Amino acid sequence: MTDQIEQSLKETKRAEKRAAEEIKQLAREQARRKANLAREQAIEEDQKEREAKRAEKRAAEEIRQSARDQARRKANLAREQAIEEDQKARKLKAKKQTRE
């Protein structure tokens, strides 16, 4: 009978030890999941910040490019107008010379 009681006590101790280990394991897993989630959120936030900075840079570059394009168009138009005026002046000069 004592052997049975001792055996039962040993089994109970093992069961308690196993239950305590399971609780510790669950706590470790929960802590690991929490840490992983925090890490993923930090990475996601960092990516959002990087994307926002890239978008700002892209928008600023588009504005600069638009200004450069506009300046180029103005310069081309001015050049074309100068050429046109020069051609008109030459034609007038040529007409005057042919009249004389």
PDB file of N, CA and C in Angstrom:
ATOM      1  N   MET A   1       0.815  -1.176   0.000  1.00  0.00           N
ATOM      2  CA  MET A   1       0.000   0.000   0.000  1.00  0.00           C
ATOM      3  C   MET A   1       0.873   1.259   0.000  1.00  0.00           C
ATOM      4  N   THR A   2       1.937   1.247   0.752  1.00  0.00           N
ATOM      5  CA  THR A   2       2.827   2.400   0.800  1.00  0.00           C
ATOM      6  C   THR A   2       3.465   2.618  -0.567  1.00  0.00           C
ATOM      7  N   ASP A   3       3.752   1.543  -1.234  1.00  0.00           N
ATOM      8  CA  ASP A   3       4.330   1.685  -2.580  1.00  0.00           C
ATOM      9  C   ASP A   3       3.348   2.408  -3.500  1.00  0.00           C
ATOM     10  N   GLN A   4       2.090   2.064  -3.363  1.00  0.00           N
ATOM     11  CA  GLN A   4       1.076   2.719  -4.181  1.00  0.00           C
ATOM     12  C   GLN A   4       0.976   4.208  -3.836  1.00  0.00           C
ATOM     13  N   ILE A   5       1.047   4.527  -2.562  1.00  0.00           N
ATOM     14  CA  ILE A   5       0.965   5.928  -2.130  1.00  0.00           C
ATOM     15  C   ILE A   5       2.185   6.685  -2.639  1.00  0.00           C
ATOM     16  N   GLU A   6       3.360   6.068  -2.492  1.00  0.00           N
ATOM     17  CA  GLU A   6       4.583   6.699  -2.985  1.00  0.00           C
ATOM     18  C   GLU A   6       4.507   6.889  -4.506  1.00  0.00           C
ATOM     19  N   GLN A   7       4.028   5.869  -5.174  1.00  0.00           N
ATOM     20  CA  GLN A   7       3.892   5.941  -6.640  1.00  0.00           C
ATOM     21  C   GLN A   7       2.915   7.052  -7.023  1.00  0.00           C
ATOM     22  N   SER A   8       1.830   7.127  -6.279  1.00  0.00           N
ATOM     23  CA  SER A   8       0.829   8.150  -6.547  1.00  0.00           C
ATOM     24  C   SER A   8       1.402   9.544  -6.287  1.00  0.00           C
ATOM     25  N   LEU A   9       2.164   9.702  -5.216  1.00  0.00           N
ATOM     26  CA  LEU A   9       2.802  10.983  -4.918  1.00  0.00           C
ATOM     27  C   LEU A   9       3.788  11.365  -6.022  1.00  0.00           C
ATOM     28  N   LYS A  10       4.550  10.390  -6.478  1.00  0.00           N
ATOM     29  CA  LYS A  10       5.511  10.652  -7.565  1.00  0.00           C
ATOM     30  C   LYS A  10       4.779  11.090  -8.830  1.00  0.00           C
ATOM     31  N   GLU A  11       3.700  10.403  -9.151  1.00  0.00           N
ATOM     32  CA  GLU A  11       2.909  10.749 -10.334  1.00  0.00           C
ATOM     33  C   GLU A  11       2.329  12.167 -10.208  1.00  0.00           C
ATOM     34  N   THR A  12       1.850  12.485  -9.010  1.00  0.00           N
ATOM     35  CA  THR A  12       1.290  13.811  -8.766  1.00  0.00           C
ATOM     36  C   THR A  12       2.371  14.877  -8.928  1.00  0.00           C
ATOM     37  N   LYS A  13       3.547  14.614  -8.367  1.00  0.00           N
ATOM     38  CA  LYS A  13       4.657  15.563  -8.495  1.00  0.00           C
ATOM     39  C   LYS A  13       5.042  15.746  -9.959  1.00  0.00           C
ATOM     40  N   ARG A  14       5.109  14.630 -10.690  1.00  0.00           N
ATOM     41  CA  ARG A  14       5.440  14.709 -12.122  1.00  0.00           C
ATOM     42  C   ARG A  14       4.386  15.525 -12.871  1.00  0.00           C
ATOM     43  N   ALA A  15       3.128  15.299 -12.549  1.00  0.00           N
ATOM     44  CA  ALA A  15       2.032  16.018 -13.208  1.00  0.00           C
ATOM     45  C   ALA A  15       2.118  17.507 -12.883  1.00  0.00           C
ATOM     46  N   GLU A  16       2.413  17.829 -11.619  1.00  0.00           N
ATOM     47  CA  GLU A  16       2.552  19.233 -11.234  1.00  0.00           C
ATOM     48  C   GLU A  16       3.743  19.874 -11.950  1.00  0.00           C
ATOM     49  N   LYS A  17       4.846  19.116 -11.995  1.00  0.00           N
ATOM     50  CA  LYS A  17       6.045  19.625 -12.670  1.00  0.00           C
ATOM     51  C   LYS A  17       5.772  19.855 -14.160  1.00  0.00           C
ATOM     52  N   ARG A  18       5.068  18.889 -14.773  1.00  0.00           N
ATOM     53  CA  ARG A  18       4.708  19.011 -16.186  1.00  0.00           C
ATOM     54  C   ARG A  18       3.801  20.220 -16.419  1.00  0.00           C
ATOM     55  N   ALA A  19       2.830  20.407 -15.521  1.00  0.00           N
ATOM     56  CA  ALA A  19       1.909  21.539 -15.642  1.00  0.00           C
ATOM     57  C   ALA A  19       2.665  22.855 -15.488  1.00  0.00           C
ATOM     58  N   ALA A  20       3.590  22.892 -14.534  1.00  0.00           N
ATOM     59  CA  ALA A  20       4.391  24.106 -14.335  1.00  0.00           C
ATOM     60  C   ALA A  20       5.251  24.374 -15.569  1.00  0.00           C
ATOM     61  N   GLU A  21       5.823  23.354 -16.169  1.00  0.00           N
ATOM     62  CA  GLU A  21       6.637  23.497 -17.395  1.00  0.00           C
ATOM     63  C   GLU A  21       5.790  24.008 -18.541  1.00  0.00           C
ATOM     64  N   GLU A  22       4.575  23.458 -18.663  1.00  0.00           N
ATOM     65  CA  GLU A  22       3.674  23.904 -19.726  1.00  0.00           C
ATOM     66  C   GLU A  22       3.328  25.383 -19.557  1.00  0.00           C
ATOM     67  N   ILE A  23       3.093  25.800 -18.325  1.00  0.00           N
ATOM     68  CA  ILE A  23       2.783  27.207 -18.062  1.00  0.00           C
ATOM     69  C   ILE A  23       3.972  28.079 -18.456  1.00  0.00           C
ATOM     70  N   LYS A  24       5.178  27.642 -18.063  1.00  0.00           N
ATOM     71  CA  LYS A  24       6.389  28.399 -18.427  1.00  0.00           C
ATOM     72  C   LYS A  24       6.542  28.465 -19.943  1.00  0.00           C
ATOM     73  N   GLN A  25       6.312  27.331 -20.609  1.00  0.00           N
ATOM     74  CA  GLN A  25       6.443  27.263 -22.066  1.00  0.00           C
ATOM     75  C   GLN A  25       5.431  28.194 -22.729  1.00  0.00           C
ATOM     76  N   LEU A  26       4.201  28.195 -22.248  1.00  0.00           N
ATOM     77  CA  LEU A  26       3.176  29.082 -22.801  1.00  0.00           C
ATOM     78  C   LEU A  26       3.554  30.545 -22.589  1.00  0.00           C
ATOM     79  N   ALA A  27       4.103  30.851 -21.425  1.00  0.00           N
ATOM     80  CA  ALA A  27       4.523  32.229 -21.150  1.00  0.00           C
ATOM     81  C   ALA A  27       5.654  32.639 -22.100  1.00  0.00           C
ATOM     82  N   ARG A  28       6.616  31.722 -22.329  1.00  0.00           N
ATOM     83  CA  ARG A  28       7.717  32.015 -23.253  1.00  0.00           C
ATOM     84  C   ARG A  28       7.198  32.219 -24.674  1.00  0.00           C
ATOM     85  N   GLU A  29       6.275  31.358 -25.094  1.00  0.00           N
ATOM     86  CA  GLU A  29       5.705  31.491 -26.434  1.00  0.00           C
ATOM     87  C   GLU A  29       4.935  32.809 -26.574  1.00  0.00           C
ATOM     88  N   GLN A  30       4.195  33.168 -25.552  1.00  0.00           N
ATOM     89  CA  GLN A  30       3.448  34.416 -25.595  1.00  0.00           C
ATOM     90  C   GLN A  30       4.402  35.609 -25.661  1.00  0.00           C
ATOM     91  N   ALA A  31       5.469  35.560 -24.874  1.00  0.00           N
ATOM     92  CA  ALA A  31       6.467  36.640 -24.897  1.00  0.00           C
ATOM     93  C   ALA A  31       7.132  36.718 -26.267  1.00  0.00           C
ATOM     94  N   ARG A  32       7.434  35.557 -26.853  1.00  0.00           N
ATOM     95  CA  ARG A  32       8.057  35.514 -28.181  1.00  0.00           C
ATOM     96  C   ARG A  32       7.109  36.088 -29.238  1.00  0.00           C
ATOM     97  N   ARG A  33       5.830  35.708 -29.170  1.00  0.00           N
ATOM     98  CA  ARG A  33       4.852  36.238 -30.122  1.00  0.00           C
ATOM     99  C   ARG A  33       4.721  37.756 -29.982  1.00  0.00           C
ATOM    100  N   LYS A  34       4.702  38.216 -28.726  1.00  0.00           N
ATOM    101  CA  LYS A  34       4.593  39.646 -28.470  1.00  0.00           C
ATOM    102  C   LYS A  34       5.814  40.381 -29.038  1.00  0.00           C
ATOM    103  N   ALA A  35       6.999  39.824 -28.826  1.00  0.00           N
ATOM    104  CA  ALA A  35       8.230  40.434 -29.340  1.00  0.00           C
ATOM    105  C   ALA A  35       8.227  40.431 -30.864  1.00  0.00           C
ATOM    106  N   ASN A  36       7.795  39.332 -31.467  1.00  0.00           N
ATOM    107  CA  ASN A  36       7.731  39.257 -32.923  1.00  0.00           C
ATOM    108  C   ASN A  36       6.751  40.293 -33.481  1.00  0.00           C
ATOM    109  N   LEU A  37       5.614  40.419 -32.838  1.00  0.00           N
ATOM    110  CA  LEU A  37       4.619  41.386 -33.279  1.00  0.00           C
ATOM    111  C   LEU A  37       5.174  42.807 -33.175  1.00  0.00           C
ATOM    112  N   ALA A  38       5.829  43.102 -32.060  1.00  0.00           N
ATOM    113  CA  ALA A  38       6.421  44.433 -31.882  1.00  0.00           C
ATOM    114  C   ALA A  38       7.477  44.695 -32.950  1.00  0.00           C
ATOM    115  N   ARG A  39       8.296  43.685 -33.236  1.00  0.00           N
ATOM    116  CA  ARG A  39       9.340  43.824 -34.258  1.00  0.00           C
ATOM    117  C   ARG A  39       8.716  44.048 -35.636  1.00  0.00           C
ATOM    118  N   GLU A  40       7.684  43.278 -35.960  1.00  0.00           N
ATOM    119  CA  GLU A  40       7.007  43.438 -37.253  1.00  0.00           C
ATOM    120  C   GLU A  40       6.366  44.820 -37.377  1.00  0.00           C
ATOM    121  N   GLN A  41       5.769  45.289 -36.287  1.00  0.00           N
ATOM    122  CA  GLN A  41       5.153  46.609 -36.316  1.00  0.00           C
ATOM    123  C   GLN A  41       6.205  47.700 -36.504  1.00  0.00           C
ATOM    124  N   ALA A  42       7.355  47.530 -35.844  1.00  0.00           N
ATOM    125  CA  ALA A  42       8.439  48.508 -35.996  1.00  0.00           C
ATOM    126  C   ALA A  42       8.943  48.514 -37.437  1.00  0.00           C
ATOM    127  N   ILE A  43       9.092  47.340 -38.026  1.00  0.00           N
ATOM    128  CA  ILE A  43       9.545  47.240 -39.415  1.00  0.00           C
ATOM    129  C   ILE A  43       8.521  47.894 -40.343  1.00  0.00           C
ATOM    130  N   GLU A  44       7.258  47.603 -40.110  1.00  0.00           N
ATOM    131  CA  GLU A  44       6.188  48.169 -40.939  1.00  0.00           C
ATOM    132  C   GLU A  44       6.169  49.698 -40.837  1.00  0.00           C
ATOM    133  N   GLU A  45       6.316  50.202 -39.621  1.00  0.00           N
ATOM    134  CA  GLU A  45       6.330  51.654 -39.413  1.00  0.00           C
ATOM    135  C   GLU A  45       7.537  52.275 -40.124  1.00  0.00           C
ATOM    136  N   ASP A  46       8.682  51.615 -40.024  1.00  0.00           N
ATOM    137  CA  ASP A  46       9.885  52.097 -40.701  1.00  0.00           C
ATOM    138  C   ASP A  46       9.682  52.123 -42.213  1.00  0.00           C
ATOM    139  N   GLN A  47       9.052  51.080 -42.742  1.00  0.00           N
ATOM    140  CA  GLN A  47       8.788  51.031 -44.179  1.00  0.00           C
ATOM    141  C   GLN A  47       7.840  52.151 -44.600  1.00  0.00           C
ATOM    142  N   LYS A  48       6.828  52.418 -43.779  1.00  0.00           N
ATOM    143  CA  LYS A  48       5.898  53.503 -44.091  1.00  0.00           C
ATOM    144  C   LYS A  48       6.629  54.835 -44.116  1.00  0.00           C
ATOM    145  N   GLU A  49       7.516  55.049 -43.142  1.00  0.00           N
ATOM    146  CA  GLU A  49       8.281  56.301 -43.097  1.00  0.00           C
ATOM    147  C   GLU A  49       9.177  56.429 -44.327  1.00  0.00           C
ATOM    148  N   ARG A  50       9.836  55.334 -44.686  1.00  0.00           N
ATOM    149  CA  ARG A  50      10.710  55.362 -45.869  1.00  0.00           C
ATOM    150  C   ARG A  50       9.904  55.667 -47.127  1.00  0.00           C
ATOM    151  N   GLU A  51       8.741  55.026 -47.252  1.00  0.00           N
ATOM    152  CA  GLU A  51       7.901  55.249 -48.431  1.00  0.00           C
ATOM    153  C   GLU A  51       7.419  56.699 -48.476  1.00  0.00           C
ATOM    154  N   ALA A  52       7.080  57.254 -47.307  1.00  0.00           N
ATOM    155  CA  ALA A  52       6.646  58.651 -47.265  1.00  0.00           C
ATOM    156  C   ALA A  52       7.791  59.569 -47.710  1.00  0.00           C
ATOM    157  N   LYS A  53       9.007  59.280 -47.252  1.00  0.00           N
ATOM    158  CA  LYS A  53      10.159  60.099 -47.654  1.00  0.00           C
ATOM    159  C   LYS A  53      10.411  59.971 -49.153  1.00  0.00           C
ATOM    160  N   ARG A  54      10.303  58.731 -49.671  1.00  0.00           N
ATOM    161  CA  ARG A  54      10.493  58.530 -51.115  1.00  0.00           C
ATOM    162  C   ARG A  54       9.438  59.302 -51.894  1.00  0.00           C
ATOM    163  N   ALA A  55       8.195  59.265 -51.413  1.00  0.00           N
ATOM    164  CA  ALA A  55       7.115  59.980 -52.097  1.00  0.00           C
ATOM    165  C   ALA A  55       7.376  61.488 -52.080  1.00  0.00           C
ATOM    166  N   GLU A  56       7.865  61.997 -50.946  1.00  0.00           N
ATOM    167  CA  GLU A  56       8.202  63.424 -50.870  1.00  0.00           C
ATOM    168  C   GLU A  56       9.304  63.773 -51.861  1.00  0.00           C
ATOM    169  N   LYS A  57      10.343  62.939 -51.900  1.00  0.00           N
ATOM    170  CA  LYS A  57      11.454  63.184 -52.829  1.00  0.00           C
ATOM    171  C   LYS A  57      10.956  63.134 -54.273  1.00  0.00           C
ATOM    172  N   ARG A  58      10.101  62.142 -54.546  1.00  0.00           N
ATOM    173  CA  ARG A  58       9.567  61.987 -55.893  1.00  0.00           C
ATOM    174  C   ARG A  58       8.755  63.218 -56.290  1.00  0.00           C
ATOM    175  N   ALA A  59       7.918  63.694 -55.364  1.00  0.00           N
ATOM    176  CA  ALA A  59       7.085  64.869 -55.647  1.00  0.00           C
ATOM    177  C   ALA A  59       7.965  66.097 -55.878  1.00  0.00           C
ATOM    178  N   ALA A  60       8.986  66.264 -55.038  1.00  0.00           N
ATOM    179  CA  ALA A  60       9.889  67.409 -55.196  1.00  0.00           C
ATOM    180  C   ALA A  60      10.626  67.324 -56.527  1.00  0.00           C
ATOM    181  N   GLU A  61      11.056  66.133 -56.901  1.00  0.00           N
ATOM    182  CA  GLU A  61      11.771  65.957 -58.178  1.00  0.00           C
ATOM    183  C   GLU A  61      10.839  66.237 -59.346  1.00  0.00           C
ATOM    184  N   GLU A  62       9.584  65.803 -59.234  1.00  0.00           N
ATOM    185  CA  GLU A  62       8.620  66.077 -60.297  1.00  0.00           C
ATOM    186  C   GLU A  62       8.403  67.577 -60.460  1.00  0.00           C
ATOM    187  N   ILE A  63       8.350  68.295 -59.346  1.00  0.00           N
ATOM    188  CA  ILE A  63       8.190  69.751 -59.409  1.00  0.00           C
ATOM    189  C   ILE A  63       9.406  70.384 -60.074  1.00  0.00           C
ATOM    190  N   ARG A  64      10.604  69.945 -59.663  1.00  0.00           N
ATOM    191  CA  ARG A  64      11.829  70.478 -60.275  1.00  0.00           C
ATOM    192  C   ARG A  64      11.878  70.171 -61.768  1.00  0.00           C
ATOM    193  N   GLN A  65      11.504  68.938 -62.116  1.00  0.00           N
ATOM    194  CA  GLN A  65      11.523  68.538 -63.531  1.00  0.00           C
ATOM    195  C   GLN A  65      10.525  69.371 -64.324  1.00  0.00           C
ATOM    196  N   SER A  66       9.350  69.597 -63.744  1.00  0.00           N
ATOM    197  CA  SER A  66       8.342  70.404 -64.418  1.00  0.00           C
ATOM    198  C   SER A  66       8.851  71.826 -64.640  1.00  0.00           C
ATOM    199  N   ALA A  67       9.516  72.374 -63.630  1.00  0.00           N
ATOM    200  CA  ALA A  67      10.077  73.723 -63.766  1.00  0.00           C
ATOM    201  C   ALA A  67      11.155  73.747 -64.845  1.00  0.00           C
ATOM    202  N   ARG A  68      12.005  72.725 -64.879  1.00  0.00           N
ATOM    203  CA  ARG A  68      13.043  72.656 -65.923  1.00  0.00           C
ATOM    204  C   ARG A  68      12.416  72.553 -67.307  1.00  0.00           C
ATOM    205  N   ASP A  69      11.383  71.713 -67.420  1.00  0.00           N
ATOM    206  CA  ASP A  69      10.701  71.560 -68.708  1.00  0.00           C
ATOM    207  C   ASP A  69      10.072  72.886 -69.148  1.00  0.00           C
ATOM    208  N   GLN A  70       9.443  73.558 -68.205  1.00  0.00           N
ATOM    209  CA  GLN A  70       8.804  74.830 -68.529  1.00  0.00           C
ATOM    210  C   GLN A  70       9.854  75.860 -68.958  1.00  0.00           C
ATOM    211  N   ALA A  71      10.973  75.907 -68.244  1.00  0.00           N
ATOM    212  CA  ALA A  71      12.045  76.841 -68.605  1.00  0.00           C
ATOM    213  C   ALA A  71      12.596  76.503 -69.994  1.00  0.00           C
ATOM    214  N   ARG A  72      12.739  75.212 -70.275  1.00  0.00           N
ATOM    215  CA  ARG A  72      13.242  74.795 -71.596  1.00  0.00           C
ATOM    216  C   ARG A  72      12.266  75.203 -72.686  1.00  0.00           C
ATOM    217  N   ARG A  73      10.961  74.982 -72.435  1.00  0.00           N
ATOM    218  CA  ARG A  73       9.952  75.374 -73.431  1.00  0.00           C
ATOM    219  C   ARG A  73       9.979  76.882 -73.674  1.00  0.00           C
ATOM    220  N   LYS A  74      10.109  77.653 -72.593  1.00  0.00           N
ATOM    221  CA  LYS A  74      10.170  79.111 -72.743  1.00  0.00           C
ATOM    222  C   LYS A  74      11.399  79.511 -73.556  1.00  0.00           C
ATOM    223  N   ALA A  75      12.529  78.888 -73.252  1.00  0.00           N
ATOM    224  CA  ALA A  75      13.763  79.209 -73.973  1.00  0.00           C
ATOM    225  C   ALA A  75      13.629  78.842 -75.447  1.00  0.00           C
ATOM    226  N   ASN A  76      13.045  77.684 -75.722  1.00  0.00           N
ATOM    227  CA  ASN A  76      12.836  77.272 -77.115  1.00  0.00           C
ATOM    228  C   ASN A  76      11.910  78.239 -77.844  1.00  0.00           C
ATOM    229  N   LEU A  77      10.829  78.634 -77.173  1.00  0.00           N
ATOM    230  CA  LEU A  77       9.890  79.574 -77.777  1.00  0.00           C
ATOM    231  C   LEU A  77      10.572  80.914 -78.053  1.00  0.00           C
ATOM    232  N   ALA A  78      11.344  81.382 -77.072  1.00  0.00           N
ATOM    233  CA  ALA A  78      12.064  82.651 -77.259  1.00  0.00           C
ATOM    234  C   ALA A  78      13.046  82.542 -78.425  1.00  0.00           C
ATOM    235  N   ARG A  79      13.737  81.414 -78.511  1.00  0.00           N
ATOM    236  CA  ARG A  79      14.697  81.193 -79.605  1.00  0.00           C
ATOM    237  C   ARG A  79      13.972  81.172 -80.950  1.00  0.00           C
ATOM    238  N   GLU A  80      12.840  80.453 -81.003  1.00  0.00           N
ATOM    239  CA  GLU A  80      12.068  80.392 -82.246  1.00  0.00           C
ATOM    240  C   GLU A  80      11.553  81.779 -82.646  1.00  0.00           C
ATOM    241  N   GLN A  81      11.093  82.550 -81.656  1.00  0.00           N
ATOM    242  CA  GLN A  81      10.613  83.895 -81.952  1.00  0.00           C
ATOM    243  C   GLN A  81      11.752  84.782 -82.443  1.00  0.00           C
ATOM    244  N   ALA A  82      12.916  84.645 -81.833  1.00  0.00           N
ATOM    245  CA  ALA A  82      14.073  85.441 -82.262  1.00  0.00           C
ATOM    246  C   ALA A  82      14.459  85.078 -83.693  1.00  0.00           C
ATOM    247  N   ILE A  83      14.423  83.780 -83.992  1.00  0.00           N
ATOM    248  CA  ILE A  83      14.753  83.332 -85.356  1.00  0.00           C
ATOM    249  C   ILE A  83      13.732  83.885 -86.336  1.00  0.00           C
ATOM    250  N   GLU A  84      12.468  83.803 -85.963  1.00  0.00           N
ATOM    251  CA  GLU A  84      11.396  84.295 -86.820  1.00  0.00           C
ATOM    252  C   GLU A  84      11.543  85.803 -87.067  1.00  0.00           C
ATOM    253  N   GLU A  85      11.808  86.549 -85.992  1.00  0.00           N
ATOM    254  CA  GLU A  85      11.999  87.993 -86.141  1.00  0.00           C
ATOM    255  C   GLU A  85      13.221  88.301 -86.997  1.00  0.00           C
ATOM    256  N   ASP A  86      14.266  87.535 -86.816  1.00  0.00           N
ATOM    257  CA  ASP A  86      15.476  87.716 -87.615  1.00  0.00           C
ATOM    258  C   ASP A  86      15.178  87.447 -89.093  1.00  0.00           C
ATOM    259  N   GLN A  87      14.405  86.394 -89.359  1.00  0.00           N
ATOM    260  CA  GLN A  87      14.041  86.088 -90.744  1.00  0.00           C
ATOM    261  C   GLN A  87      13.196  87.204 -91.353  1.00  0.00           C
ATOM    262  N   LYS A  88      12.259  87.734 -90.563  1.00  0.00           N
ATOM    263  CA  LYS A  88      11.439  88.841 -91.052  1.00  0.00           C
ATOM    264  C   LYS A  88      12.315  90.050 -91.360  1.00  0.00           C
ATOM    265  N   ALA A  89      13.231  90.319 -90.456  1.00  0.00           N
ATOM    266  CA  ALA A  89      14.127  91.463 -90.659  1.00  0.00           C
ATOM    267  C   ALA A  89      14.960  91.267 -91.920  1.00  0.00           C
ATOM    268  N   ARG A  90      15.442  90.063 -92.149  1.00  0.00           N
ATOM    269  CA  ARG A  90      16.243  89.784 -93.354  1.00  0.00           C
ATOM    270  C   ARG A  90      15.400  89.950 -94.618  1.00  0.00           C
ATOM    271  N   LYS A  91      14.153  89.472 -94.541  1.00  0.00           N
ATOM    272  CA  LYS A  91      13.266  89.608 -95.700  1.00  0.00           C
ATOM    273  C   LYS A  91      13.010  91.079 -96.010  1.00  0.00           C
ATOM    274  N   LEU A  92      12.745  91.858 -94.955  1.00  0.00           N
ATOM    275  CA  LEU A  92      12.527  93.291 -95.163  1.00  0.00           C
ATOM    276  C   LEU A  92      13.775  93.951 -95.746  1.00  0.00           C
ATOM    277  N   LYS A  93      14.907  93.578 -95.225  1.00  0.00           N
ATOM    278  CA  LYS A  93      16.168  94.144 -95.714  1.00  0.00           C
ATOM    279  C   LYS A  93      16.378  93.766 -97.177  1.00  0.00           C
ATOM    280  N   ALA A  94      16.079  92.493 -97.496  1.00  0.00           N
ATOM    281  CA  ALA A  94      16.237  92.018 -98.849  1.00  0.00           C
ATOM    282  C   ALA A  94      15.281  92.758 -99.783  1.00  0.00           C
ATOM    283  N   LYS A  95      14.036  93.005 -99.363  1.00  0.00           N
ATOM    284  CA  LYS A  95      13.063  93.724-100.173  1.00  0.00           C
ATOM    285  C   LYS A  95      13.534  95.169-100.423  1.00  0.00           C
ATOM    286  N   LYS A  96      14.053  95.802 -99.368  1.00  0.00           N
ATOM    287  CA  LYS A  96      14.549  97.173 -99.505  1.00  0.00           C
ATOM    288  C   LYS A  96      15.713  97.242-100.500  1.00  0.00           C
ATOM    289  N   GLN A  97      16.586  96.245-100.454  1.00  0.00           N
ATOM    290  CA  GLN A  97      17.752  96.240-101.319  1.00  0.00           C
ATOM    291  C   GLN A  97      17.335  95.996-102.782  1.00  0.00           C
ATOM    292  N   THR A  98      16.302  95.156-102.962  1.00  0.00           N
ATOM    293  CA  THR A  98      15.859  94.876-104.317  1.00  0.00           C
ATOM    294  C   THR A  98      15.127  96.089-104.902  1.00  0.00           C
ATOM    295  N   ARG A  99      14.502  96.918-104.065  1.00  0.00           N
ATOM    296  CA  ARG A  99      13.818  98.111-104.520  1.00  0.00           C
ATOM    297  C   ARG A  99      14.813  99.191-104.924  1.00  0.00           C
ATOM    298  N   GLU A 100      15.923  99.201-104.281  1.00  0.00           N
ATOM    299  CA  GLU A 100      16.900 100.262-104.550  1.00  0.00           C
ATOM    300  C   GLU A 100      17.708  99.978-105.727  1.00  0.00           C
TER     301      GLU A 100
END
